[in-house]
Amino acid sequence: MAAALGFVLIATSASAQSPELLTGPVICPQVDIEADKLECTQTACQLEGNAKLSCPDLSLRADKVTLNLGQNRQFAGARAEGNAVLVSRSSILTCESLTLTEEQLVGQVQGATLEVRESEEASRRSAVFHGDLERESPREIKLKNADFTLCDCGDD
């Protein structure tokens, strides 16, 4: 049986349109969490088994998620481990583990598959990348040991 709990986020920046997680911040007014096992302290929650964080513009699923909490118990980042899948408006990132700050993906993601769509309404992928990702700056990600396909990749 899954446990569910909601947190209200205090945003440090605002945007008329929520930009992509990979290239800019995503602002979520509330984050819903679910897991088979959920343990929380004042500073963090451990989600194990079918762990999921979600808000209107993104969702994160993994075998295990460590959710960091700020002073007012707002979202302060997360670490997903084991079969991680991060879905935003026009991209899907799958990998073994990843780290999020309050606003975006950070650090290195090894062995990633990134599917990018032209828009959130597009039913077909416009590009698929396989390789290692590393954030170079807030709006730049470097691909290493990567291969990619830029095409109409067919239906999902």
Protein backbone atom coordinates (compact mmCIF):
# COMPACT_ATOMS: atom_id res chain seq x y z
CA MET A 1 0.00 0.00 0.00
CA ALA A 2 1.44 3.35 -1.06
CA ALA A 3 1.82 6.24 1.34
CA ALA A 4 1.05 9.75 0.06
CA LEU A 5 2.01 13.11 1.47
CA GLY A 6 2.00 16.65 0.01
CA PHE A 7 4.43 19.50 0.56
CA VAL A 8 3.97 23.16 -0.35
CA LEU A 9 7.06 24.59 -2.00
CA ILE A 10 8.35 28.07 -1.41
CA ALA A 11 9.63 29.26 -4.77
CA THR A 12 12.67 31.52 -4.90
CA SER A 13 11.97 32.50 -8.49
CA ALA A 14 8.86 32.84 -10.59
CA SER A 15 8.10 32.40 -14.24
CA ALA A 16 5.09 33.02 -16.47
CA GLN A 17 5.86 29.77 -18.27
CA SER A 18 7.63 26.94 -16.48
CA PRO A 19 10.86 26.34 -18.44
CA GLU A 20 12.27 22.86 -18.94
CA LEU A 21 13.98 21.21 -15.99
CA LEU A 22 17.10 20.54 -18.05
CA THR A 23 17.57 24.17 -19.13
CA GLY A 24 15.94 26.19 -16.39
CA PRO A 25 13.94 26.04 -13.17
CA VAL A 26 10.60 24.32 -12.81
CA ILE A 27 8.37 25.90 -10.18
CA CYS A 28 5.91 23.58 -8.46
CA PRO A 29 3.40 25.04 -6.01
CA GLN A 30 3.06 21.59 -4.39
CA VAL A 31 4.90 18.28 -4.65
CA ASP A 32 2.99 15.05 -4.07
CA ILE A 33 4.97 12.03 -2.89
CA GLU A 34 4.13 8.33 -2.88
CA ALA A 35 6.03 5.17 -1.96
CA ASP A 36 5.54 1.69 -0.57
CA LYS A 37 7.59 2.76 2.46
CA LEU A 38 7.89 6.35 3.69
CA GLU A 39 9.95 7.63 6.65
CA CYS A 40 10.36 11.34 7.41
CA THR A 41 12.41 13.47 9.78
CA GLN A 42 12.50 17.27 10.08
CA THR A 43 15.10 17.50 7.28
CA ALA A 44 14.38 14.61 4.89
CA CYS A 45 12.02 11.87 3.76
CA GLN A 46 13.15 8.43 2.59
CA LEU A 47 10.86 6.90 -0.02
CA GLU A 48 11.44 3.24 -0.88
CA GLY A 49 9.67 1.01 -3.36
CA ASN A 50 7.71 2.60 -6.22
CA ALA A 51 8.88 6.04 -5.06
CA LYS A 52 7.30 8.96 -6.89
CA LEU A 53 7.45 12.76 -6.65
CA SER A 54 5.05 14.68 -8.87
CA CYS A 55 3.72 18.14 -9.62
CA PRO A 56 1.94 19.55 -12.69
CA ASP A 57 5.11 20.06 -14.79
CA LEU A 58 7.22 17.05 -13.83
CA SER A 59 7.36 13.67 -12.18
CA LEU A 60 10.22 11.61 -10.79
CA ARG A 61 10.00 7.85 -10.22
CA ALA A 62 12.68 5.54 -8.86
CA ASP A 63 13.25 2.53 -6.61
CA LYS A 64 14.41 4.90 -3.83
CA VAL A 65 14.19 8.67 -3.41
CA THR A 66 15.72 10.83 -0.69
CA LEU A 67 13.70 14.03 -0.45
CA ASN A 68 15.49 16.94 1.26
CA LEU A 69 13.36 19.41 3.22
CA GLY A 70 14.12 23.07 3.93
CA GLN A 71 13.57 25.00 7.17
CA ASN A 72 9.82 25.30 6.54
CA ARG A 73 9.61 21.70 5.31
CA GLN A 74 9.56 22.89 1.70
CA PHE A 75 11.16 20.90 -1.14
CA ALA A 76 14.93 21.39 -1.00
CA GLY A 77 16.09 18.83 -3.56
CA ALA A 78 16.04 15.09 -4.10
CA ARG A 79 18.28 12.15 -4.96
CA ALA A 80 16.72 9.30 -6.97
CA GLU A 81 18.43 5.90 -7.10
CA GLY A 82 17.60 2.77 -9.07
CA ASN A 83 15.63 2.87 -12.31
CA ALA A 84 15.15 6.64 -12.17
CA VAL A 85 12.73 8.23 -14.65
CA LEU A 86 12.30 12.00 -14.79
CA VAL A 87 9.43 13.23 -16.99
CA SER A 88 9.00 16.93 -17.76
CA ARG A 89 6.77 18.71 -20.26
CA SER A 90 8.76 17.75 -23.36
CA SER A 91 11.45 15.30 -22.23
CA ILE A 92 11.93 11.95 -20.54
CA LEU A 93 15.23 11.13 -18.81
CA THR A 94 15.93 7.55 -17.72
CA CYS A 95 19.05 6.54 -15.80
CA GLU A 96 20.26 4.64 -12.75
CA SER A 97 20.42 7.71 -10.47
CA LEU A 98 20.09 11.50 -10.55
CA THR A 99 20.12 14.54 -8.28
CA LEU A 100 17.75 17.51 -8.31
CA THR A 101 18.15 20.83 -6.51
CA GLU A 102 15.17 23.00 -5.69
CA GLU A 103 15.07 24.08 -9.32
CA GLN A 104 16.83 21.72 -11.73
CA LEU A 105 18.87 18.63 -12.50
CA VAL A 106 22.46 18.94 -11.24
CA GLY A 107 25.74 17.06 -11.32
CA GLN A 108 26.47 14.07 -13.50
CA VAL A 109 24.03 11.51 -14.83
CA GLN A 110 25.75 8.44 -16.26
CA GLY A 111 24.23 5.95 -18.67
CA ALA A 112 21.27 8.22 -19.41
CA THR A 113 18.69 8.03 -22.14
CA LEU A 114 17.09 11.39 -22.89
CA GLU A 115 14.05 11.61 -25.17
CA VAL A 116 13.14 15.11 -26.31
CA ARG A 117 9.87 16.16 -27.94
CA GLU A 118 9.27 19.31 -29.98
CA SER A 119 6.54 20.32 -27.53
CA GLU A 120 4.55 18.80 -24.72
CA GLU A 121 1.70 18.15 -27.18
CA ALA A 122 3.94 16.33 -29.68
CA SER A 123 3.26 12.60 -29.79
CA ARG A 124 6.57 11.75 -31.47
CA ARG A 125 10.12 12.14 -30.25
CA SER A 126 12.31 14.61 -32.13
CA ALA A 127 15.62 13.44 -30.62
CA VAL A 128 16.96 10.60 -28.49
CA PHE A 129 20.34 10.81 -26.72
CA HIS A 130 22.22 7.99 -24.96
CA GLY A 131 25.27 8.74 -22.84
CA ASP A 132 26.50 10.67 -19.84
CA LEU A 133 25.13 14.11 -18.94
CA GLU A 134 26.90 16.79 -16.93
CA ARG A 135 25.54 20.23 -16.07
CA GLU A 136 28.04 22.87 -17.20
CA SER A 137 25.98 25.92 -16.18
CA PRO A 138 22.37 26.69 -15.26
CA ARG A 139 21.34 26.60 -18.95
CA GLU A 140 23.92 24.22 -20.45
CA ILE A 141 24.34 20.45 -20.28
CA LYS A 142 27.32 18.60 -21.73
CA LEU A 143 26.88 15.15 -23.29
CA LYS A 144 29.79 12.69 -22.99
CA ASN A 145 30.25 9.26 -24.56
CA ALA A 146 26.97 9.89 -26.32
CA ASP A 147 25.13 8.88 -29.43
CA PHE A 148 21.96 10.48 -30.65
CA THR A 149 19.22 10.29 -33.24
CA LEU A 150 17.58 13.43 -34.62
CA CYS A 151 14.56 12.13 -36.44
CA ASP A 152 10.90 11.37 -36.45
CA CYS A 153 11.35 8.33 -34.22
CA GLY A 154 7.83 6.97 -34.59
CA ASP A 155 5.04 6.56 -32.11
CA ASP A 156 5.74 5.70 -28.48
